[in-house]
Amino acid sequence: MPSYRVTMIIGALQPGVRPDAVLPAAATAAAERTTVEASDLAVVAGSARATVRFTADDGAVALAIADHVVAQTRLVAVPVSWLVTERVKGRWLPVH
């Protein structure tokens, strides 16, 4: 089954939310719909970047899963931007 990931640049946290709650919320949202392969939080160029890697049958399903992840992440933080990519022959390519 193909691997996909949704990568979100995280802005402000919702009031009362701890920073360490963001990645688990995103990963849990993906796990409600599919198998989560990995999740990671990094700081890139001064911005928090949350990434959740998961499996999906195709790009359309991956986009729907990513929409759910972003929507659930909004409950704890503000996703400023996000991108869905697919692993193809060792490279991550955007899904449209």
PDB file of N, CA and C in Angstrom:
ATOM      1  N   MET A   1       0.856  -1.171   0.000  1.00  0.00           N
ATOM      2  CA  MET A   1       0.000   0.000   0.000  1.00  0.00           C
ATOM      3  C   MET A   1       0.905   1.238   0.000  1.00  0.00           C
ATOM      4  N   PRO A   2       0.573   2.232  -0.803  1.00  0.00           N
ATOM      5  CA  PRO A   2       1.421   3.435  -0.889  1.00  0.00           C
ATOM      6  C   PRO A   2       1.485   4.216   0.423  1.00  0.00           C
ATOM      7  N   SER A   3       2.625   4.880   0.622  1.00  0.00           N
ATOM      8  CA  SER A   3       2.822   5.747   1.791  1.00  0.00           C
ATOM      9  C   SER A   3       2.606   7.198   1.397  1.00  0.00           C
ATOM     10  N   TYR A   4       1.938   7.910   2.270  1.00  0.00           N
ATOM     11  CA  TYR A   4       1.686   9.334   2.090  1.00  0.00           C
ATOM     12  C   TYR A   4       2.074  10.034   3.375  1.00  0.00           C
ATOM     13  N   ARG A   5       2.204  11.342   3.289  1.00  0.00           N
ATOM     14  CA  ARG A   5       2.398  12.114   4.518  1.00  0.00           C
ATOM     15  C   ARG A   5       1.744  13.480   4.352  1.00  0.00           C
ATOM     16  N   VAL A   6       1.270  13.975   5.454  1.00  0.00           N
ATOM     17  CA  VAL A   6       0.777  15.344   5.506  1.00  0.00           C
ATOM     18  C   VAL A   6       1.755  16.104   6.399  1.00  0.00           C
ATOM     19  N   THR A   7       2.254  17.206   5.859  1.00  0.00           N
ATOM     20  CA  THR A   7       3.204  18.044   6.578  1.00  0.00           C
ATOM     21  C   THR A   7       2.545  19.396   6.809  1.00  0.00           C
ATOM     22  N   MET A   8       2.455  19.799   8.064  1.00  0.00           N
ATOM     23  CA  MET A   8       1.793  21.052   8.435  1.00  0.00           C
ATOM     24  C   MET A   8       2.778  21.990   9.117  1.00  0.00           C
ATOM     25  N   ILE A   9       2.762  23.250   8.706  1.00  0.00           N
ATOM     26  CA  ILE A   9       3.467  24.290   9.442  1.00  0.00           C
ATOM     27  C   ILE A   9       2.493  24.755  10.514  1.00  0.00           C
ATOM     28  N   ILE A  10       2.917  24.699  11.768  1.00  0.00           N
ATOM     29  CA  ILE A  10       2.038  25.005  12.891  1.00  0.00           C
ATOM     30  C   ILE A  10       2.296  26.424  13.377  1.00  0.00           C
ATOM     31  N   GLY A  11       1.218  27.178  13.493  1.00  0.00           N
ATOM     32  CA  GLY A  11       1.297  28.534  14.027  1.00  0.00           C
ATOM     33  C   GLY A  11       0.973  28.529  15.512  1.00  0.00           C
ATOM     34  N   ALA A  12       0.089  29.388  15.908  1.00  0.00           N
ATOM     35  CA  ALA A  12      -0.271  29.535  17.319  1.00  0.00           C
ATOM     36  C   ALA A  12      -1.032  28.313  17.836  1.00  0.00           C
ATOM     37  N   LEU A  13      -0.871  28.078  19.122  1.00  0.00           N
ATOM     38  CA  LEU A  13      -1.651  27.038  19.797  1.00  0.00           C
ATOM     39  C   LEU A  13      -2.996  27.617  20.210  1.00  0.00           C
ATOM     40  N   GLN A  14      -3.995  26.761  20.292  1.00  0.00           N
ATOM     41  CA  GLN A  14      -5.285  27.181  20.822  1.00  0.00           C
ATOM     42  C   GLN A  14      -5.102  27.452  22.320  1.00  0.00           C
ATOM     43  N   PRO A  15      -5.900  28.343  22.887  1.00  0.00           N
ATOM     44  CA  PRO A  15      -5.760  28.672  24.313  1.00  0.00           C
ATOM     45  C   PRO A  15      -5.805  27.422  25.200  1.00  0.00           C
ATOM     46  N   GLY A  16      -4.855  27.354  26.110  1.00  0.00           N
ATOM     47  CA  GLY A  16      -4.812  26.254  27.069  1.00  0.00           C
ATOM     48  C   GLY A  16      -4.187  24.968  26.560  1.00  0.00           C
ATOM     49  N   VAL A  17      -3.736  24.942  25.315  1.00  0.00           N
ATOM     50  CA  VAL A  17      -3.156  23.725  24.740  1.00  0.00           C
ATOM     51  C   VAL A  17      -1.638  23.746  24.928  1.00  0.00           C
ATOM     52  N   ARG A  18      -1.110  22.629  25.387  1.00  0.00           N
ATOM     53  CA  ARG A  18       0.337  22.502  25.552  1.00  0.00           C
ATOM     54  C   ARG A  18       0.978  22.141  24.205  1.00  0.00           C
ATOM     55  N   PRO A  19       2.183  22.591  23.945  1.00  0.00           N
ATOM     56  CA  PRO A  19       2.852  22.277  22.680  1.00  0.00           C
ATOM     57  C   PRO A  19       2.981  20.780  22.404  1.00  0.00           C
ATOM     58  N   ASP A  20       3.171  19.993  23.456  1.00  0.00           N
ATOM     59  CA  ASP A  20       3.347  18.558  23.254  1.00  0.00           C
ATOM     60  C   ASP A  20       2.043  17.816  22.942  1.00  0.00           C
ATOM     61  N   ALA A  21       0.932  18.534  22.829  1.00  0.00           N
ATOM     62  CA  ALA A  21      -0.352  17.917  22.487  1.00  0.00           C
ATOM     63  C   ALA A  21      -0.627  17.931  20.984  1.00  0.00           C
ATOM     64  N   VAL A  22       0.124  18.719  20.232  1.00  0.00           N
ATOM     65  CA  VAL A  22      -0.181  18.910  18.806  1.00  0.00           C
ATOM     66  C   VAL A  22       0.083  17.649  17.984  1.00  0.00           C
ATOM     67  N   LEU A  23       1.269  17.095  18.059  1.00  0.00           N
ATOM     68  CA  LEU A  23       1.599  15.925  17.249  1.00  0.00           C
ATOM     69  C   LEU A  23       0.729  14.716  17.598  1.00  0.00           C
ATOM     70  N   PRO A  24       0.507  14.405  18.874  1.00  0.00           N
ATOM     71  CA  PRO A  24      -0.392  13.287  19.173  1.00  0.00           C
ATOM     72  C   PRO A  24      -1.806  13.500  18.618  1.00  0.00           C
ATOM     73  N   ALA A  25      -2.300  14.730  18.643  1.00  0.00           N
ATOM     74  CA  ALA A  25      -3.635  14.995  18.092  1.00  0.00           C
ATOM     75  C   ALA A  25      -3.660  14.713  16.596  1.00  0.00           C
ATOM     76  N   ALA A  26      -2.628  15.132  15.891  1.00  0.00           N
ATOM     77  CA  ALA A  26      -2.561  14.903  14.445  1.00  0.00           C
ATOM     78  C   ALA A  26      -2.440  13.412  14.125  1.00  0.00           C
ATOM     79  N   ALA A  27      -1.575  12.719  14.840  1.00  0.00           N
ATOM     80  CA  ALA A  27      -1.389  11.287  14.601  1.00  0.00           C
ATOM     81  C   ALA A  27      -2.647  10.490  14.949  1.00  0.00           C
ATOM     82  N   THR A  28      -3.307  10.861  16.021  1.00  0.00           N
ATOM     83  CA  THR A  28      -4.550  10.186  16.406  1.00  0.00           C
ATOM     84  C   THR A  28      -5.627  10.380  15.344  1.00  0.00           C
ATOM     85  N   ALA A  29      -5.703  11.574  14.779  1.00  0.00           N
ATOM     86  CA  ALA A  29      -6.680  11.842  13.726  1.00  0.00           C
ATOM     87  C   ALA A  29      -6.430  10.941  12.524  1.00  0.00           C
ATOM     88  N   ALA A  30      -5.173  10.797  12.120  1.00  0.00           N
ATOM     89  CA  ALA A  30      -4.854   9.910  10.994  1.00  0.00           C
ATOM     90  C   ALA A  30      -5.194   8.464  11.336  1.00  0.00           C
ATOM     91  N   ALA A  31      -4.883   8.060  12.568  1.00  0.00           N
ATOM     92  CA  ALA A  31      -5.135   6.677  12.995  1.00  0.00           C
ATOM     93  C   ALA A  31      -6.620   6.334  13.020  1.00  0.00           C
ATOM     94  N   GLU A  32      -7.479   7.341  13.106  1.00  0.00           N
ATOM     95  CA  GLU A  32      -8.925   7.099  13.048  1.00  0.00           C
ATOM     96  C   GLU A  32      -9.345   6.618  11.666  1.00  0.00           C
ATOM     97  N   ARG A  33      -8.520   6.888  10.639  1.00  0.00           N
ATOM     98  CA  ARG A  33      -8.882   6.572   9.255  1.00  0.00           C
ATOM     99  C   ARG A  33      -7.977   5.542   8.585  1.00  0.00           C
ATOM    100  N   THR A  34      -6.752   5.353   9.089  1.00  0.00           N
ATOM    101  CA  THR A  34      -5.792   4.494   8.404  1.00  0.00           C
ATOM    102  C   THR A  34      -4.671   4.084   9.344  1.00  0.00           C
ATOM    103  N   THR A  35      -3.680   3.398   8.803  1.00  0.00           N
ATOM    104  CA  THR A  35      -2.502   3.011   9.569  1.00  0.00           C
ATOM    105  C   THR A  35      -1.488   4.146   9.541  1.00  0.00           C
ATOM    106  N   VAL A  36      -1.044   4.548  10.712  1.00  0.00           N
ATOM    107  CA  VAL A  36      -0.015   5.581  10.820  1.00  0.00           C
ATOM    108  C   VAL A  36       1.337   4.875  10.854  1.00  0.00           C
ATOM    109  N   GLU A  37       2.223   5.282   9.946  1.00  0.00           N
ATOM    110  CA  GLU A  37       3.559   4.691   9.882  1.00  0.00           C
ATOM    111  C   GLU A  37       4.553   5.429  10.771  1.00  0.00           C
ATOM    112  N   ALA A  38       4.398   6.738  10.882  1.00  0.00           N
ATOM    113  CA  ALA A  38       5.323   7.532  11.687  1.00  0.00           C
ATOM    114  C   ALA A  38       4.749   8.926  11.882  1.00  0.00           C
ATOM    115  N   SER A  39       5.277   9.623  12.879  1.00  0.00           N
ATOM    116  CA  SER A  39       4.934  11.029  13.071  1.00  0.00           C
ATOM    117  C   SER A  39       6.160  11.726  13.632  1.00  0.00           C
ATOM    118  N   ASP A  40       6.276  13.008  13.316  1.00  0.00           N
ATOM    119  CA  ASP A  40       7.470  13.735  13.711  1.00  0.00           C
ATOM    120  C   ASP A  40       7.149  15.215  13.860  1.00  0.00           C
ATOM    121  N   LEU A  41       7.832  15.838  14.792  1.00  0.00           N
ATOM    122  CA  LEU A  41       7.732  17.280  14.972  1.00  0.00           C
ATOM    123  C   LEU A  41       9.140  17.843  14.900  1.00  0.00           C
ATOM    124  N   ALA A  42       9.335  18.842  14.040  1.00  0.00           N
ATOM    125  CA  ALA A  42      10.656  19.455  13.871  1.00  0.00           C
ATOM    126  C   ALA A  42      10.487  20.965  13.790  1.00  0.00           C
ATOM    127  N   VAL A  43      11.567  21.656  14.044  1.00  0.00           N
ATOM    128  CA  VAL A  43      11.591  23.100  13.842  1.00  0.00           C
ATOM    129  C   VAL A  43      12.464  23.360  12.619  1.00  0.00           C
ATOM    130  N   VAL A  44      11.849  23.940  11.588  1.00  0.00           N
ATOM    131  CA  VAL A  44      12.536  24.208  10.335  1.00  0.00           C
ATOM    132  C   VAL A  44      12.406  25.692  10.042  1.00  0.00           C
ATOM    133  N   ALA A  45      13.538  26.352   9.896  1.00  0.00           N
ATOM    134  CA  ALA A  45      13.569  27.795   9.615  1.00  0.00           C
ATOM    135  C   ALA A  45      12.722  28.571  10.622  1.00  0.00           C
ATOM    136  N   GLY A  46      12.776  28.145  11.881  1.00  0.00           N
ATOM    137  CA  GLY A  46      12.073  28.843  12.942  1.00  0.00           C
ATOM    138  C   GLY A  46      10.601  28.536  13.073  1.00  0.00           C
ATOM    139  N   SER A  47      10.081  27.613  12.258  1.00  0.00           N
ATOM    140  CA  SER A  47       8.661  27.245  12.312  1.00  0.00           C
ATOM    141  C   SER A  47       8.503  25.786  12.723  1.00  0.00           C
ATOM    142  N   ALA A  48       7.484  25.519  13.542  1.00  0.00           N
ATOM    143  CA  ALA A  48       7.179  24.141  13.918  1.00  0.00           C
ATOM    144  C   ALA A  48       6.549  23.427  12.733  1.00  0.00           C
ATOM    145  N   ARG A  49       7.051  22.226  12.448  1.00  0.00           N
ATOM    146  CA  ARG A  49       6.544  21.430  11.327  1.00  0.00           C
ATOM    147  C   ARG A  49       6.146  20.057  11.844  1.00  0.00           C
ATOM    148  N   ALA A  50       4.860  19.748  11.758  1.00  0.00           N
ATOM    149  CA  ALA A  50       4.347  18.442  12.177  1.00  0.00           C
ATOM    150  C   ALA A  50       4.120  17.597  10.932  1.00  0.00           C
ATOM    151  N   THR A  51       4.638  16.364  10.955  1.00  0.00           N
ATOM    152  CA  THR A  51       4.487  15.460   9.820  1.00  0.00           C
ATOM    153  C   THR A  51       3.904  14.147  10.310  1.00  0.00           C
ATOM    154  N   VAL A  52       2.876  13.684   9.603  1.00  0.00           N
ATOM    155  CA  VAL A  52       2.278  12.385   9.900  1.00  0.00           C
ATOM    156  C   VAL A  52       2.328  11.560   8.616  1.00  0.00           C
ATOM    157  N   ARG A  53       2.991  10.411   8.698  1.00  0.00           N
ATOM    158  CA  ARG A  53       3.106   9.497   7.554  1.00  0.00           C
ATOM    159  C   ARG A  53       2.097   8.374   7.739  1.00  0.00           C
ATOM    160  N   PHE A  54       1.386   8.044   6.655  1.00  0.00           N
ATOM    161  CA  PHE A  54       0.309   7.061   6.744  1.00  0.00           C
ATOM    162  C   PHE A  54       0.148   6.326   5.419  1.00  0.00           C
ATOM    163  N   THR A  55      -0.651   5.274   5.431  1.00  0.00           N
ATOM    164  CA  THR A  55      -0.942   4.524   4.215  1.00  0.00           C
ATOM    165  C   THR A  55      -2.323   4.910   3.697  1.00  0.00           C
ATOM    166  N   ALA A  56      -2.470   4.781   2.376  1.00  0.00           N
ATOM    167  CA  ALA A  56      -3.773   5.018   1.741  1.00  0.00           C
ATOM    168  C   ALA A  56      -3.792   4.287   0.403  1.00  0.00           C
ATOM    169  N   ASP A  57      -4.987   3.964  -0.066  1.00  0.00           N
ATOM    170  CA  ASP A  57      -5.123   3.247  -1.329  1.00  0.00           C
ATOM    171  C   ASP A  57      -4.689   4.082  -2.527  1.00  0.00           C
ATOM    172  N   ASP A  58      -4.976   5.380  -2.483  1.00  0.00           N
ATOM    173  CA  ASP A  58      -4.627   6.252  -3.604  1.00  0.00           C
ATOM    174  C   ASP A  58      -4.601   7.705  -3.137  1.00  0.00           C
ATOM    175  N   GLY A  59      -4.281   8.594  -4.070  1.00  0.00           N
ATOM    176  CA  GLY A  59      -4.151  10.004  -3.742  1.00  0.00           C
ATOM    177  C   GLY A  59      -5.429  10.633  -3.240  1.00  0.00           C
ATOM    178  N   ALA A  60      -6.557  10.245  -3.801  1.00  0.00           N
ATOM    179  CA  ALA A  60      -7.836  10.823  -3.368  1.00  0.00           C
ATOM    180  C   ALA A  60      -8.130  10.465  -1.912  1.00  0.00           C
ATOM    181  N   VAL A  61      -7.881   9.220  -1.555  1.00  0.00           N
ATOM    182  CA  VAL A  61      -8.087   8.793  -0.168  1.00  0.00           C
ATOM    183  C   VAL A  61      -7.090   9.509   0.748  1.00  0.00           C
ATOM    184  N   ALA A  62      -5.855   9.644   0.301  1.00  0.00           N
ATOM    185  CA  ALA A  62      -4.836  10.330   1.101  1.00  0.00           C
ATOM    186  C   ALA A  62      -5.230  11.781   1.359  1.00  0.00           C
ATOM    187  N   LEU A  63      -5.769  12.456   0.347  1.00  0.00           N
ATOM    188  CA  LEU A  63      -6.204  13.843   0.532  1.00  0.00           C
ATOM    189  C   LEU A  63      -7.344  13.937   1.544  1.00  0.00           C
ATOM    190  N   ALA A  64      -8.258  12.981   1.501  1.00  0.00           N
ATOM    191  CA  ALA A  64      -9.370  12.975   2.462  1.00  0.00           C
ATOM    192  C   ALA A  64      -8.851  12.741   3.882  1.00  0.00           C
ATOM    193  N   ILE A  65      -7.902  11.828   4.037  1.00  0.00           N
ATOM    194  CA  ILE A  65      -7.315  11.579   5.351  1.00  0.00           C
ATOM    195  C   ILE A  65      -6.595  12.833   5.836  1.00  0.00           C
ATOM    196  N   ALA A  66      -5.825  13.455   4.957  1.00  0.00           N
ATOM    197  CA  ALA A  66      -5.096  14.669   5.333  1.00  0.00           C
ATOM    198  C   ALA A  66      -6.055  15.786   5.728  1.00  0.00           C
ATOM    199  N   ASP A  67      -7.169  15.932   5.010  1.00  0.00           N
ATOM    200  CA  ASP A  67      -8.167  16.942   5.392  1.00  0.00           C
ATOM    201  C   ASP A  67      -8.661  16.705   6.811  1.00  0.00           C
ATOM    202  N   HIS A  68      -8.883  15.440   7.151  1.00  0.00           N
ATOM    203  CA  HIS A  68      -9.328  15.098   8.502  1.00  0.00           C
ATOM    204  C   HIS A  68      -8.243  15.440   9.533  1.00  0.00           C
ATOM    205  N   VAL A  69      -7.002  15.125   9.207  1.00  0.00           N
ATOM    206  CA  VAL A  69      -5.889  15.427  10.114  1.00  0.00           C
ATOM    207  C   VAL A  69      -5.787  16.935  10.352  1.00  0.00           C
ATOM    208  N   VAL A  70      -5.861  17.709   9.289  1.00  0.00           N
ATOM    209  CA  VAL A  70      -5.766  19.168   9.419  1.00  0.00           C
ATOM    210  C   VAL A  70      -6.946  19.702  10.244  1.00  0.00           C
ATOM    211  N   ALA A  71      -8.147  19.205   9.974  1.00  0.00           N
ATOM    212  CA  ALA A  71      -9.325  19.662  10.711  1.00  0.00           C
ATOM    213  C   ALA A  71      -9.194  19.356  12.206  1.00  0.00           C
ATOM    214  N   GLN A  72      -8.715  18.173  12.536  1.00  0.00           N
ATOM    215  CA  GLN A  72      -8.562  17.806  13.943  1.00  0.00           C
ATOM    216  C   GLN A  72      -7.410  18.571  14.598  1.00  0.00           C
ATOM    217  N   THR A  73      -6.381  18.841  13.836  1.00  0.00           N
ATOM    218  CA  THR A  73      -5.258  19.623  14.370  1.00  0.00           C
ATOM    219  C   THR A  73      -5.712  21.040  14.697  1.00  0.00           C
ATOM    220  N   ARG A  74      -6.648  21.568  13.929  1.00  0.00           N
ATOM    221  CA  ARG A  74      -7.168  22.921  14.199  1.00  0.00           C
ATOM    222  C   ARG A  74      -7.796  23.041  15.584  1.00  0.00           C
ATOM    223  N   LEU A  75      -8.186  21.937  16.175  1.00  0.00           N
ATOM    224  CA  LEU A  75      -8.764  21.973  17.511  1.00  0.00           C
ATOM    225  C   LEU A  75      -7.717  22.305  18.578  1.00  0.00           C
ATOM    226  N   VAL A  76      -6.439  22.059  18.253  1.00  0.00           N
ATOM    227  CA  VAL A  76      -5.379  22.303  19.226  1.00  0.00           C
ATOM    228  C   VAL A  76      -4.377  23.371  18.797  1.00  0.00           C
ATOM    229  N   ALA A  77      -4.307  23.632  17.488  1.00  0.00           N
ATOM    230  CA  ALA A  77      -3.328  24.598  16.974  1.00  0.00           C
ATOM    231  C   ALA A  77      -3.789  25.118  15.618  1.00  0.00           C
ATOM    232  N   VAL A  78      -3.074  26.104  15.126  1.00  0.00           N
ATOM    233  CA  VAL A  78      -3.415  26.689  13.825  1.00  0.00           C
ATOM    234  C   VAL A  78      -2.447  26.169  12.767  1.00  0.00           C
ATOM    235  N   PRO A  79      -2.916  25.282  11.867  1.00  0.00           N
ATOM    236  CA  PRO A  79      -2.064  24.869  10.756  1.00  0.00           C
ATOM    237  C   PRO A  79      -2.005  26.020   9.737  1.00  0.00           C
ATOM    238  N   VAL A  80      -0.848  26.639   9.619  1.00  0.00           N
ATOM    239  CA  VAL A  80      -0.687  27.790   8.735  1.00  0.00           C
ATOM    240  C   VAL A  80      -0.726  27.346   7.272  1.00  0.00           C
ATOM    241  N   SER A  81      -0.076  26.237   6.990  1.00  0.00           N
ATOM    242  CA  SER A  81      -0.096  25.655   5.645  1.00  0.00           C
ATOM    243  C   SER A  81       0.145  24.161   5.776  1.00  0.00           C
ATOM    244  N   TRP A  82      -0.171  23.414   4.737  1.00  0.00           N
ATOM    245  CA  TRP A  82       0.050  21.975   4.750  1.00  0.00           C
ATOM    246  C   TRP A  82       0.218  21.475   3.328  1.00  0.00           C
ATOM    247  N   LEU A  83       0.855  20.309   3.228  1.00  0.00           N
ATOM    248  CA  LEU A  83       1.139  19.686   1.943  1.00  0.00           C
ATOM    249  C   LEU A  83       1.003  18.185   2.108  1.00  0.00           C
ATOM    250  N   VAL A  84       0.390  17.537   1.124  1.00  0.00           N
ATOM    251  CA  VAL A  84       0.274  16.083   1.109  1.00  0.00           C
ATOM    252  C   VAL A  84       1.216  15.571   0.034  1.00  0.00           C
ATOM    253  N   THR A  85       2.052  14.595   0.408  1.00  0.00           N
ATOM    254  CA  THR A  85       2.996  14.020  -0.540  1.00  0.00           C
ATOM    255  C   THR A  85       2.896  12.501  -0.528  1.00  0.00           C
ATOM    256  N   GLU A  86       3.333  11.883  -1.635  1.00  0.00           N
ATOM    257  CA  GLU A  86       3.337  10.424  -1.784  1.00  0.00           C
ATOM    258  C   GLU A  86       4.767   9.962  -2.017  1.00  0.00           C
ATOM    259  N   ARG A  87       5.117   8.842  -1.419  1.00  0.00           N
ATOM    260  CA  ARG A  87       6.441   8.261  -1.613  1.00  0.00           C
ATOM    261  C   ARG A  87       6.429   7.484  -2.929  1.00  0.00           C
ATOM    262  N   VAL A  88       7.247   7.940  -3.880  1.00  0.00           N
ATOM    263  CA  VAL A  88       7.343   7.290  -5.192  1.00  0.00           C
ATOM    264  C   VAL A  88       8.818   7.094  -5.514  1.00  0.00           C
ATOM    265  N   LYS A  89       9.246   5.842  -5.564  1.00  0.00           N
ATOM    266  CA  LYS A  89      10.632   5.502  -5.905  1.00  0.00           C
ATOM    267  C   LYS A  89      11.649   6.317  -5.110  1.00  0.00           C
ATOM    268  N   GLY A  90      11.456   6.378  -3.803  1.00  0.00           N
ATOM    269  CA  GLY A  90      12.410   7.043  -2.935  1.00  0.00           C
ATOM    270  C   GLY A  90      12.282   8.546  -2.853  1.00  0.00           C
ATOM    271  N   ARG A  91      11.283   9.126  -3.499  1.00  0.00           N
ATOM    272  CA  ARG A  91      11.080  10.579  -3.448  1.00  0.00           C
ATOM    273  C   ARG A  91       9.677  10.889  -2.958  1.00  0.00           C
ATOM    274  N   TRP A  92       9.514  12.040  -2.308  1.00  0.00           N
ATOM    275  CA  TRP A  92       8.202  12.503  -1.864  1.00  0.00           C
ATOM    276  C   TRP A  92       7.669  13.501  -2.893  1.00  0.00           C
ATOM    277  N   LEU A  93       6.587  13.115  -3.577  1.00  0.00           N
ATOM    278  CA  LEU A  93       6.002  13.950  -4.625  1.00  0.00           C
ATOM    279  C   LEU A  93       4.639  14.502  -4.170  1.00  0.00           C
ATOM    280  N   PRO A  94       4.344  15.764  -4.485  1.00  0.00           N
ATOM    281  CA  PRO A  94       3.064  16.349  -4.076  1.00  0.00           C
ATOM    282  C   PRO A  94       1.862  15.605  -4.677  1.00  0.00           C
ATOM    283  N   VAL A  95       0.819  15.530  -3.882  1.00  0.00           N
ATOM    284  CA  VAL A  95      -0.457  14.937  -4.330  1.00  0.00           C
ATOM    285  C   VAL A  95      -1.412  16.096  -4.564  1.00  0.00           C
ATOM    286  N   HIS A  96      -2.065  16.089  -5.718  1.00  0.00           N
ATOM    287  CA  HIS A  96      -3.011  17.175  -6.046  1.00  0.00           C
ATOM    288  C   HIS A  96      -4.418  16.641  -6.204  1.00  0.00           C
TER     289      HIS A  96
END
